[in-house]
Each structure stands twice: as C-alpha cells, then as structure tokens.
C-alpha cells in the first residue's frame, strides 16, 4: 500500500476516534440501560454532524490556502529561474568580452 494512503487512513481513524470520544463523553450520561435513549441519539447526531461540518469547512479552507501557497511557490521559482538566466547571460557576456580583449 502507498505510504500516503496509509497516512490518510491513520489520519481519518484518529479524527473519527476523537469525534467518537468527544460525542460519547458529551452525550452519554448514564449506563443504566443497554439501549440508547432518543435524547442521546439526537445529541450524538448533532455532535457528529457538527464535527463533520467543521472538518469539511477546515478542509475547504486548507485546500484554498494550499492552492495559494502553490501558486506563490511557482511564481517565486519562475522569478528565481529568470534571475538565474539573466545572471548566466551576463556571465557569458563578460567571458566573451574578456576573451575578445585578450586577443
């Protein structure tokens, strides 16, 4: 399996486990019955829904930020490449003029 896929699965499992623990601690108040009460079900649905919606929003923002960072990196690389090419041309011009004057 690809290392990225494994990392994504681990991240998902961690997120799911954290959400489950948080919602369980918040919504389950008593262990007097084996059944889940309707209030507990509603609380768990609300809690998990909020976590899922928050995660989706965070991922949207993260993707936008990553896109901006990637564009900025490409622009910086292009500027550095252009500066390097100019420096190469200047160096070639200097070496050509030094060789011409030596003759």
PDB file of N, CA and C in Angstrom:
ATOM      1  N   UNK A   1       0.839  -1.197   0.000  1.00  0.00           N
ATOM      2  CA  UNK A   1       0.000   0.000   0.000  1.00  0.00           C
ATOM      3  C   UNK A   1       0.877   1.250   0.000  1.00  0.00           C
ATOM      4  N   UNK A   2       0.420   2.253  -0.651  1.00  0.00           N
ATOM      5  CA  UNK A   2       1.149   3.504  -0.730  1.00  0.00           C
ATOM      6  C   UNK A   2       1.220   4.172   0.648  1.00  0.00           C
ATOM      7  N   UNK A   3       2.350   4.781   0.979  1.00  0.00           N
ATOM      8  CA  UNK A   3       2.541   5.412   2.280  1.00  0.00           C
ATOM      9  C   UNK A   3       1.533   6.545   2.497  1.00  0.00           C
ATOM     10  N   UNK A   4       1.196   7.257   1.436  1.00  0.00           N
ATOM     11  CA  UNK A   4       0.235   8.359   1.547  1.00  0.00           C
ATOM     12  C   UNK A   4      -1.152   7.832   1.887  1.00  0.00           C
ATOM     13  N   UNK A   5      -1.536   6.722   1.296  1.00  0.00           N
ATOM     14  CA  UNK A   5      -2.841   6.122   1.577  1.00  0.00           C
ATOM     15  C   UNK A   5      -2.895   5.668   3.035  1.00  0.00           C
ATOM     16  N   UNK A   6      -1.827   5.054   3.495  1.00  0.00           N
ATOM     17  CA  UNK A   6      -1.772   4.600   4.887  1.00  0.00           C
ATOM     18  C   UNK A   6      -1.856   5.790   5.836  1.00  0.00           C
ATOM     19  N   UNK A   7      -1.124   6.858   5.528  1.00  0.00           N
ATOM     20  CA  UNK A   7      -1.162   8.055   6.376  1.00  0.00           C
ATOM     21  C   UNK A   7      -2.558   8.666   6.406  1.00  0.00           C
ATOM     22  N   UNK A   8      -3.214   8.720   5.250  1.00  0.00           N
ATOM     23  CA  UNK A   8      -4.572   9.256   5.190  1.00  0.00           C
ATOM     24  C   UNK A   8      -5.537   8.415   6.006  1.00  0.00           C
ATOM     25  N   UNK A   9      -5.389   7.099   5.938  1.00  0.00           N
ATOM     26  CA  UNK A   9      -6.252   6.211   6.727  1.00  0.00           C
ATOM     27  C   UNK A   9      -6.020   6.421   8.219  1.00  0.00           C
ATOM     28  N   UNK A  10      -4.766   6.556   8.616  1.00  0.00           N
ATOM     29  CA  UNK A  10      -4.454   6.803  10.030  1.00  0.00           C
ATOM     30  C   UNK A  10      -5.039   8.129  10.489  1.00  0.00           C
ATOM     31  N   UNK A  11      -4.911   9.157   9.661  1.00  0.00           N
ATOM     32  CA  UNK A  11      -5.470  10.470   9.997  1.00  0.00           C
ATOM     33  C   UNK A  11      -6.984  10.391  10.134  1.00  0.00           C
ATOM     34  N   UNK A  12      -7.629   9.666   9.209  1.00  0.00           N
ATOM     35  CA  UNK A  12      -9.076   9.518   9.269  1.00  0.00           C
ATOM     36  C   UNK A  12      -9.485   8.766  10.527  1.00  0.00           C
ATOM     37  N   UNK A  13      -8.787   7.690  10.844  1.00  0.00           N
ATOM     38  CA  UNK A  13      -9.094   6.913  12.041  1.00  0.00           C
ATOM     39  C   UNK A  13      -8.918   7.756  13.298  1.00  0.00           C
ATOM     40  N   UNK A  14      -7.857   8.540  13.359  1.00  0.00           N
ATOM     41  CA  UNK A  14      -7.623   9.415  14.509  1.00  0.00           C
ATOM     42  C   UNK A  14      -8.745  10.424  14.645  1.00  0.00           C
ATOM     43  N   UNK A  15      -9.124  11.056  13.549  1.00  0.00           N
ATOM     44  CA  UNK A  15     -10.206  12.036  13.565  1.00  0.00           C
ATOM     45  C   UNK A  15     -11.520  11.392  13.994  1.00  0.00           C
ATOM     46  N   UNK A  16     -11.825  10.225  13.449  1.00  0.00           N
ATOM     47  CA  UNK A  16     -13.050   9.515  13.800  1.00  0.00           C
ATOM     48  C   UNK A  16     -13.061   9.137  15.278  1.00  0.00           C
ATOM     49  N   UNK A  17     -11.942   8.637  15.771  1.00  0.00           N
ATOM     50  CA  UNK A  17     -11.861   8.248  17.182  1.00  0.00           C
ATOM     51  C   UNK A  17     -12.017   9.453  18.112  1.00  0.00           C
ATOM     52  N   UNK A  18     -11.402  10.566  17.747  1.00  0.00           N
ATOM     53  CA  UNK A  18     -11.539  11.786  18.562  1.00  0.00           C
ATOM     54  C   UNK A  18     -12.981  12.265  18.574  1.00  0.00           C
ATOM     55  N   UNK A  19     -13.624  12.265  17.408  1.00  0.00           N
ATOM     56  CA  UNK A  19     -15.014  12.681  17.327  1.00  0.00           C
ATOM     57  C   UNK A  19     -15.898  11.749  18.154  1.00  0.00           C
ATOM     58  N   UNK A  20     -15.680  10.457  18.033  1.00  0.00           N
ATOM     59  CA  UNK A  20     -16.481   9.482  18.783  1.00  0.00           C
ATOM     60  C   UNK A  20     -16.325   9.682  20.280  1.00  0.00           C
ATOM     61  N   UNK A  21     -15.106   9.873  20.723  1.00  0.00           N
ATOM     62  CA  UNK A  21     -14.860  10.056  22.154  1.00  0.00           C
ATOM     63  C   UNK A  21     -15.505  11.338  22.667  1.00  0.00           C
ATOM     64  N   UNK A  22     -15.346  12.418  21.912  1.00  0.00           N
ATOM     65  CA  UNK A  22     -15.930  13.695  22.323  1.00  0.00           C
ATOM     66  C   UNK A  22     -17.448  13.596  22.401  1.00  0.00           C
ATOM     67  N   UNK A  23     -18.066  13.046  21.380  1.00  0.00           N
ATOM     68  CA  UNK A  23     -19.527  12.949  21.362  1.00  0.00           C
ATOM     69  C   UNK A  23     -20.028  11.975  22.432  1.00  0.00           C
ATOM     70  N   UNK A  24     -19.302  10.899  22.662  1.00  0.00           N
ATOM     71  CA  UNK A  24     -19.708   9.955  23.699  1.00  0.00           C
ATOM     72  C   UNK A  24     -19.665  10.615  25.065  1.00  0.00           C
ATOM     73  N   UNK A  25     -18.571  11.301  25.357  1.00  0.00           N
ATOM     74  CA  UNK A  25     -18.442  11.961  26.663  1.00  0.00           C
ATOM     75  C   UNK A  25     -19.502  13.044  26.850  1.00  0.00           C
ATOM     76  N   UNK A  26     -19.853  13.711  25.775  1.00  0.00           N
ATOM     77  CA  UNK A  26     -20.831  14.788  25.851  1.00  0.00           C
ATOM     78  C   UNK A  26     -22.259  14.260  25.955  1.00  0.00           C
ATOM     79  N   UNK A  27     -22.569  13.199  25.235  1.00  0.00           N
ATOM     80  CA  UNK A  27     -23.963  12.784  25.074  1.00  0.00           C
ATOM     81  C   UNK A  27     -24.414  11.632  25.965  1.00  0.00           C
ATOM     82  N   UNK A  28     -23.514  10.781  26.379  1.00  0.00           N
ATOM     83  CA  UNK A  28     -23.913   9.623  27.177  1.00  0.00           C
ATOM     84  C   UNK A  28     -23.665   9.946  28.644  1.00  0.00           C
ATOM     85  N   UNK A  29     -24.772  10.005  29.397  1.00  0.00           N
ATOM     86  CA  UNK A  29     -24.678  10.424  30.792  1.00  0.00           C
ATOM     87  C   UNK A  29     -24.875   9.290  31.789  1.00  0.00           C
ATOM     88  N   UNK A  30     -25.512   8.229  31.353  1.00  0.00           N
ATOM     89  CA  UNK A  30     -25.811   7.155  32.279  1.00  0.00           C
ATOM     90  C   UNK A  30     -25.672   5.806  31.585  1.00  0.00           C
ATOM     91  N   UNK A  31     -25.345   4.799  32.365  1.00  0.00           N
ATOM     92  CA  UNK A  31     -25.232   3.442  31.846  1.00  0.00           C
ATOM     93  C   UNK A  31     -26.288   2.538  32.484  1.00  0.00           C
ATOM     94  N   UNK A  32     -27.432   3.114  32.817  1.00  0.00           N
ATOM     95  CA  UNK A  32     -28.500   2.369  33.491  1.00  0.00           C
ATOM     96  C   UNK A  32     -29.245   1.447  32.536  1.00  0.00           C
ATOM     97  N   UNK A  33     -29.098   1.660  31.238  1.00  0.00           N
ATOM     98  CA  UNK A  33     -29.818   0.852  30.264  1.00  0.00           C
ATOM     99  C   UNK A  33     -28.883   0.484  29.123  1.00  0.00           C
ATOM    100  N   UNK A  34     -29.159  -0.632  28.499  1.00  0.00           N
ATOM    101  CA  UNK A  34     -28.367  -1.034  27.338  1.00  0.00           C
ATOM    102  C   UNK A  34     -28.759  -0.241  26.098  1.00  0.00           C
ATOM    103  N   UNK A  35     -29.967   0.259  26.076  1.00  0.00           N
ATOM    104  CA  UNK A  35     -30.478   0.998  24.928  1.00  0.00           C
ATOM    105  C   UNK A  35     -30.029   2.452  24.991  1.00  0.00           C
ATOM    106  N   UNK A  36     -29.919   3.022  23.812  1.00  0.00           N
ATOM    107  CA  UNK A  36     -29.588   4.439  23.711  1.00  0.00           C
ATOM    108  C   UNK A  36     -30.900   5.209  23.699  1.00  0.00           C
ATOM    109  N   UNK A  37     -30.978   6.217  24.553  1.00  0.00           N
ATOM    110  CA  UNK A  37     -32.210   6.998  24.618  1.00  0.00           C
ATOM    111  C   UNK A  37     -32.331   7.892  23.390  1.00  0.00           C
ATOM    112  N   UNK A  38     -33.529   8.356  23.130  1.00  0.00           N
ATOM    113  CA  UNK A  38     -33.745   9.239  21.980  1.00  0.00           C
ATOM    114  C   UNK A  38     -32.974  10.546  22.130  1.00  0.00           C
ATOM    115  N   UNK A  39     -32.839  11.016  23.380  1.00  0.00           N
ATOM    116  CA  UNK A  39     -32.061  12.234  23.620  1.00  0.00           C
ATOM    117  C   UNK A  39     -30.586  12.007  23.296  1.00  0.00           C
ATOM    118  N   UNK A  40     -30.085  10.833  23.678  1.00  0.00           N
ATOM    119  CA  UNK A  40     -28.692  10.515  23.385  1.00  0.00           C
ATOM    120  C   UNK A  40     -28.461  10.383  21.880  1.00  0.00           C
ATOM    121  N   UNK A  41     -29.403   9.753  21.194  1.00  0.00           N
ATOM    122  CA  UNK A  41     -29.287   9.612  19.741  1.00  0.00           C
ATOM    123  C   UNK A  41     -29.259  10.984  19.081  1.00  0.00           C
ATOM    124  N   UNK A  42     -30.178  11.851  19.491  1.00  0.00           N
ATOM    125  CA  UNK A  42     -30.228  13.202  18.918  1.00  0.00           C
ATOM    126  C   UNK A  42     -28.943  13.969  19.217  1.00  0.00           C
ATOM    127  N   UNK A  43     -28.462  13.853  20.447  1.00  0.00           N
ATOM    128  CA  UNK A  43     -27.227  14.534  20.836  1.00  0.00           C
ATOM    129  C   UNK A  43     -26.048  14.036  20.003  1.00  0.00           C
ATOM    130  N   UNK A  44     -25.958  12.725  19.824  1.00  0.00           N
ATOM    131  CA  UNK A  44     -24.854  12.148  19.049  1.00  0.00           C
ATOM    132  C   UNK A  44     -24.942  12.578  17.586  1.00  0.00           C
ATOM    133  N   UNK A  45     -26.141  12.604  17.028  1.00  0.00           N
ATOM    134  CA  UNK A  45     -26.306  13.047  15.643  1.00  0.00           C
ATOM    135  C   UNK A  45     -25.891  14.511  15.491  1.00  0.00           C
ATOM    136  N   UNK A  46     -26.313  15.359  16.431  1.00  0.00           N
ATOM    137  CA  UNK A  46     -25.939  16.773  16.376  1.00  0.00           C
ATOM    138  C   UNK A  46     -24.427  16.947  16.537  1.00  0.00           C
ATOM    139  N   UNK A  47     -23.872  16.249  17.509  1.00  0.00           N
ATOM    140  CA  UNK A  47     -22.442  16.360  17.788  1.00  0.00           C
ATOM    141  C   UNK A  47     -21.613  15.897  16.590  1.00  0.00           C
ATOM    142  N   UNK A  48     -21.914  14.723  16.080  1.00  0.00           N
ATOM    143  CA  UNK A  48     -21.141  14.197  14.951  1.00  0.00           C
ATOM    144  C   UNK A  48     -21.350  15.060  13.705  1.00  0.00           C
ATOM    145  N   UNK A  49     -22.559  15.550  13.509  1.00  0.00           N
ATOM    146  CA  UNK A  49     -22.820  16.440  12.373  1.00  0.00           C
ATOM    147  C   UNK A  49     -21.997  17.711  12.442  1.00  0.00           C
ATOM    148  N   UNK A  50     -21.894  18.283  13.636  1.00  0.00           N
ATOM    149  CA  UNK A  50     -21.081  19.497  13.794  1.00  0.00           C
ATOM    150  C   UNK A  50     -19.611  19.210  13.528  1.00  0.00           C
ATOM    151  N   UNK A  51     -19.136  18.084  14.028  1.00  0.00           N
ATOM    152  CA  UNK A  51     -17.737  17.725  13.774  1.00  0.00           C
ATOM    153  C   UNK A  51     -17.472  17.525  12.293  1.00  0.00           C
ATOM    154  N   UNK A  52     -18.370  16.838  11.629  1.00  0.00           N
ATOM    155  CA  UNK A  52     -18.198  16.574  10.195  1.00  0.00           C
ATOM    156  C   UNK A  52     -18.247  17.871   9.400  1.00  0.00           C
ATOM    157  N   UNK A  53     -19.214  18.732   9.705  1.00  0.00           N
ATOM    158  CA  UNK A  53     -19.313  20.019   9.001  1.00  0.00           C
ATOM    159  C   UNK A  53     -18.082  20.885   9.251  1.00  0.00           C
ATOM    160  N   UNK A  54     -17.610  20.898  10.491  1.00  0.00           N
ATOM    161  CA  UNK A  54     -16.410  21.681  10.809  1.00  0.00           C
ATOM    162  C   UNK A  54     -15.208  21.134  10.044  1.00  0.00           C
ATOM    163  N   UNK A  55     -15.079  19.820   9.984  1.00  0.00           N
ATOM    164  CA  UNK A  55     -13.963  19.218   9.262  1.00  0.00           C
ATOM    165  C   UNK A  55     -14.027  19.552   7.778  1.00  0.00           C
ATOM    166  N   UNK A  56     -15.213  19.506   7.193  1.00  0.00           N
ATOM    167  CA  UNK A  56     -15.367  19.860   5.776  1.00  0.00           C
ATOM    168  C   UNK A  56     -14.955  21.309   5.534  1.00  0.00           C
ATOM    169  N   UNK A  57     -15.373  22.196   6.418  1.00  0.00           N
ATOM    170  CA  UNK A  57     -15.030  23.616   6.263  1.00  0.00           C
ATOM    171  C   UNK A  57     -13.522  23.828   6.386  1.00  0.00           C
ATOM    172  N   UNK A  58     -12.923  23.163   7.366  1.00  0.00           N
ATOM    173  CA  UNK A  58     -11.473  23.272   7.539  1.00  0.00           C
ATOM    174  C   UNK A  58     -10.747  22.769   6.298  1.00  0.00           C
ATOM    175  N   UNK A  59     -11.208  21.661   5.743  1.00  0.00           N
ATOM    176  CA  UNK A  59     -10.569  21.109   4.547  1.00  0.00           C
ATOM    177  C   UNK A  59     -10.735  22.043   3.347  1.00  0.00           C
ATOM    178  N   UNK A  60     -11.878  22.701   3.214  1.00  0.00           N
ATOM    179  CA  UNK A  60     -12.074  23.667   2.126  1.00  0.00           C
ATOM    180  C   UNK A  60     -11.066  24.811   2.252  1.00  0.00           C
ATOM    181  N   UNK A  61     -10.951  25.339   3.454  1.00  0.00           N
ATOM    182  CA  UNK A  61     -10.015  26.442   3.682  1.00  0.00           C
ATOM    183  C   UNK A  61      -8.587  25.983   3.444  1.00  0.00           C
ATOM    184  N   UNK A  62      -8.250  24.802   3.935  1.00  0.00           N
ATOM    185  CA  UNK A  62      -6.914  24.249   3.747  1.00  0.00           C
ATOM    186  C   UNK A  62      -6.586  24.113   2.264  1.00  0.00           C
ATOM    187  N   UNK A  63      -7.539  23.619   1.482  1.00  0.00           N
ATOM    188  CA  UNK A  63      -7.308  23.455   0.044  1.00  0.00           C
ATOM    189  C   UNK A  63      -7.108  24.810  -0.635  1.00  0.00           C
ATOM    190  N   UNK A  64      -7.871  25.817  -0.231  1.00  0.00           N
ATOM    191  CA  UNK A  64      -7.685  27.157  -0.798  1.00  0.00           C
ATOM    192  C   UNK A  64      -6.317  27.719  -0.439  1.00  0.00           C
ATOM    193  N   UNK A  65      -5.927  27.546   0.803  1.00  0.00           N
ATOM    194  CA  UNK A  65      -4.628  28.052   1.247  1.00  0.00           C
ATOM    195  C   UNK A  65      -3.506  27.316   0.526  1.00  0.00           C
ATOM    196  N   UNK A  66      -3.635  26.002   0.402  1.00  0.00           N
ATOM    197  CA  UNK A  66      -2.616  25.222  -0.291  1.00  0.00           C
ATOM    198  C   UNK A  66      -2.484  25.669  -1.745  1.00  0.00           C
ATOM    199  N   UNK A  67      -3.603  25.952  -2.394  1.00  0.00           N
ATOM    200  CA  UNK A  67      -3.583  26.416  -3.781  1.00  0.00           C
ATOM    201  C   UNK A  67      -2.836  27.753  -3.864  1.00  0.00           C
ATOM    202  N   UNK A  68      -3.116  28.651  -2.932  1.00  0.00           N
ATOM    203  CA  UNK A  68      -2.453  29.951  -2.911  1.00  0.00           C
ATOM    204  C   UNK A  68      -0.961  29.788  -2.680  1.00  0.00           C
ATOM    205  N   UNK A  69      -0.600  28.931  -1.740  1.00  0.00           N
ATOM    206  CA  UNK A  69       0.818  28.694  -1.452  1.00  0.00           C
ATOM    207  C   UNK A  69       1.519  28.091  -2.663  1.00  0.00           C
ATOM    208  N   UNK A  70       0.880  27.148  -3.327  1.00  0.00           N
ATOM    209  CA  UNK A  70       1.475  26.518  -4.510  1.00  0.00           C
ATOM    210  C   UNK A  70       1.690  27.555  -5.616  1.00  0.00           C
ATOM    211  N   UNK A  71       0.712  28.417  -5.844  1.00  0.00           N
ATOM    212  CA  UNK A  71       0.868  29.467  -6.866  1.00  0.00           C
ATOM    213  C   UNK A  71       2.003  30.415  -6.507  1.00  0.00           C
ATOM    214  N   UNK A  72       2.100  30.773  -5.252  1.00  0.00           N
ATOM    215  CA  UNK A  72       3.171  31.659  -4.789  1.00  0.00           C
ATOM    216  C   UNK A  72       4.532  30.995  -4.998  1.00  0.00           C
ATOM    217  N   UNK A  73       4.632  29.709  -4.683  1.00  0.00           N
ATOM    218  CA  UNK A  73       5.889  28.987  -4.872  1.00  0.00           C
ATOM    219  C   UNK A  73       6.281  28.920  -6.342  1.00  0.00           C
ATOM    220  N   UNK A  74       5.290  28.719  -7.220  1.00  0.00           N
ATOM    221  CA  UNK A  74       5.569  28.681  -8.656  1.00  0.00           C
ATOM    222  C   UNK A  74       6.067  30.039  -9.128  1.00  0.00           C
ATOM    223  N   UNK A  75       5.431  31.113  -8.671  1.00  0.00           N
ATOM    224  CA  UNK A  75       5.863  32.463  -9.056  1.00  0.00           C
ATOM    225  C   UNK A  75       7.282  32.742  -8.572  1.00  0.00           C
ATOM    226  N   UNK A  76       7.584  32.369  -7.328  1.00  0.00           N
ATOM    227  CA  UNK A  76       8.931  32.577  -6.796  1.00  0.00           C
ATOM    228  C   UNK A  76       9.963  31.768  -7.574  1.00  0.00           C
ATOM    229  N   UNK A  77       9.604  30.548  -7.946  1.00  0.00           N
ATOM    230  CA  UNK A  77      10.511  29.722  -8.728  1.00  0.00           C
ATOM    231  C   UNK A  77      10.762  30.344 -10.095  1.00  0.00           C
ATOM    232  N   UNK A  78       9.697  30.846 -10.722  1.00  0.00           N
ATOM    233  CA  UNK A  78       9.855  31.469 -12.038  1.00  0.00           C
ATOM    234  C   UNK A  78      10.726  32.716 -11.947  1.00  0.00           C
ATOM    235  N   UNK A  79      10.566  33.508 -10.900  1.00  0.00           N
ATOM    236  CA  UNK A  79      11.410  34.698 -10.710  1.00  0.00           C
ATOM    237  C   UNK A  79      12.866  34.299 -10.499  1.00  0.00           C
ATOM    238  N   UNK A  80      13.081  33.284  -9.687  1.00  0.00           N
ATOM    239  CA  UNK A  80      14.443  32.815  -9.442  1.00  0.00           C
ATOM    240  C   UNK A  80      15.059  32.263 -10.716  1.00  0.00           C
ATOM    241  N   UNK A  81      14.264  31.544 -11.499  1.00  0.00           N
ATOM    242  CA  UNK A  81      14.751  30.998 -12.767  1.00  0.00           C
ATOM    243  C   UNK A  81      15.119  32.125 -13.730  1.00  0.00           C
ATOM    244  N   UNK A  82      14.274  33.148 -13.799  1.00  0.00           N
ATOM    245  CA  UNK A  82      14.554  34.292 -14.679  1.00  0.00           C
ATOM    246  C   UNK A  82      15.819  35.014 -14.229  1.00  0.00           C
ATOM    247  N   UNK A  83      15.983  35.209 -12.923  1.00  0.00           N
ATOM    248  CA  UNK A  83      17.184  35.869 -12.402  1.00  0.00           C
ATOM    249  C   UNK A  83      18.427  35.035 -12.698  1.00  0.00           C
ATOM    250  N   UNK A  84      18.299  33.732 -12.588  1.00  0.00           N
ATOM    251  CA  UNK A  84      19.416  32.842 -12.895  1.00  0.00           C
ATOM    252  C   UNK A  84      19.796  32.938 -14.366  1.00  0.00           C
ATOM    253  N   UNK A  85      18.796  32.967 -15.237  1.00  0.00           N
ATOM    254  CA  UNK A  85      19.066  33.068 -16.671  1.00  0.00           C
ATOM    255  C   UNK A  85      19.738  34.386 -17.020  1.00  0.00           C
ATOM    256  N   UNK A  86      19.307  35.475 -16.384  1.00  0.00           N
ATOM    257  CA  UNK A  86      19.934  36.781 -16.608  1.00  0.00           C
ATOM    258  C   UNK A  86      21.385  36.738 -16.136  1.00  0.00           C
ATOM    259  N   UNK A  87      21.617  36.146 -14.967  1.00  0.00           N
ATOM    260  CA  UNK A  87      22.983  36.045 -14.445  1.00  0.00           C
ATOM    261  C   UNK A  87      23.846  35.201 -15.377  1.00  0.00           C
ATOM    262  N   UNK A  88      23.281  34.143 -15.931  1.00  0.00           N
ATOM    263  CA  UNK A  88      24.026  33.296 -16.871  1.00  0.00           C
ATOM    264  C   UNK A  88      24.406  34.089 -18.122  1.00  0.00           C
ATOM    265  N   UNK A  89      23.446  34.873 -18.651  1.00  0.00           N
ATOM    266  CA  UNK A  89      23.728  35.682 -19.844  1.00  0.00           C
ATOM    267  C   UNK A  89      24.805  36.717 -19.551  1.00  0.00           C
ATOM    268  N   UNK A  90      24.711  37.373 -18.383  1.00  0.00           N
ATOM    269  CA  UNK A  90      25.724  38.365 -18.003  1.00  0.00           C
ATOM    270  C   UNK A  90      27.097  37.719 -17.887  1.00  0.00           C
ATOM    271  N   UNK A  91      27.148  36.546 -17.292  1.00  0.00           N
ATOM    272  CA  UNK A  91      28.415  35.847 -17.124  1.00  0.00           C
ATOM    273  C   UNK A  91      28.988  35.448 -18.484  1.00  0.00           C
ATOM    274  N   UNK A  92      28.123  34.987 -19.375  1.00  0.00           N
ATOM    275  CA  UNK A  92      28.573  34.613 -20.715  1.00  0.00           C
ATOM    276  C   UNK A  92      29.062  35.832 -21.485  1.00  0.00           C
ATOM    277  N   UNK A  93      28.384  36.975 -21.311  1.00  0.00           N
ATOM    278  CA  UNK A  93      28.784  38.209 -21.989  1.00  0.00           C
ATOM    279  C   UNK A  93      30.146  38.676 -21.486  1.00  0.00           C
ATOM    280  N   UNK A  94      30.359  38.594 -20.181  1.00  0.00           N
ATOM    281  CA  UNK A  94      31.630  39.015 -19.591  1.00  0.00           C
ATOM    282  C   UNK A  94      32.761  38.116 -20.057  1.00  0.00           C
ATOM    283  N   UNK A  95      32.557  36.824 -20.099  1.00  0.00           N
ATOM    284  CA  UNK A  95      33.602  35.908 -20.506  1.00  0.00           C
ATOM    285  C   UNK A  95      33.916  36.087 -21.985  1.00  0.00           C
ATOM    286  N   UNK A  96      32.914  36.411 -22.794  1.00  0.00           N
ATOM    287  CA  UNK A  96      33.122  36.645 -24.214  1.00  0.00           C
ATOM    288  C   UNK A  96      33.919  37.931 -24.424  1.00  0.00           C
ATOM    289  N   UNK A  97      33.580  39.008 -23.684  1.00  0.00           N
ATOM    290  CA  UNK A  97      34.289  40.270 -23.831  1.00  0.00           C
ATOM    291  C   UNK A  97      35.701  40.176 -23.292  1.00  0.00           C
ATOM    292  N   UNK A  98      35.964  39.405 -22.246  1.00  0.00           N
ATOM    293  CA  UNK A  98      37.318  39.202 -21.716  1.00  0.00           C
ATOM    294  C   UNK A  98      38.133  38.434 -22.732  1.00  0.00           C
ATOM    295  N   UNK A  99      37.563  37.427 -23.344  1.00  0.00           N
ATOM    296  CA  UNK A  99      38.275  36.639 -24.351  1.00  0.00           C
ATOM    297  C   UNK A  99      38.573  37.488 -25.585  1.00  0.00           C
ATOM    298  N   UNK A 100      37.686  38.403 -25.968  1.00  0.00           N
ATOM    299  CA  UNK A 100      37.896  39.264 -27.136  1.00  0.00           C
ATOM    300  C   UNK A 100      39.011  40.260 -26.876  1.00  0.00           C
ATOM    301  N   UNK A 101      39.064  40.818 -25.664  1.00  0.00           N
ATOM    302  CA  UNK A 101      40.076  41.813 -25.351  1.00  0.00           C
ATOM    303  C   UNK A 101      41.451  41.166 -25.167  1.00  0.00           C
ATOM    304  N   UNK A 102      41.504  39.909 -24.868  1.00  0.00           N
ATOM    305  CA  UNK A 102      42.776  39.217 -24.684  1.00  0.00           C
ATOM    306  C   UNK A 102      43.433  38.933 -26.018  1.00  0.00           C
ATOM    307  N   UNK A 103      42.651  38.889 -27.072  1.00  0.00           N
ATOM    308  CA  UNK A 103      43.187  38.581 -28.391  1.00  0.00           C
ATOM    309  C   UNK A 103      43.764  39.774 -29.011  1.00  0.00           C
TER     310      UNK A 103
END
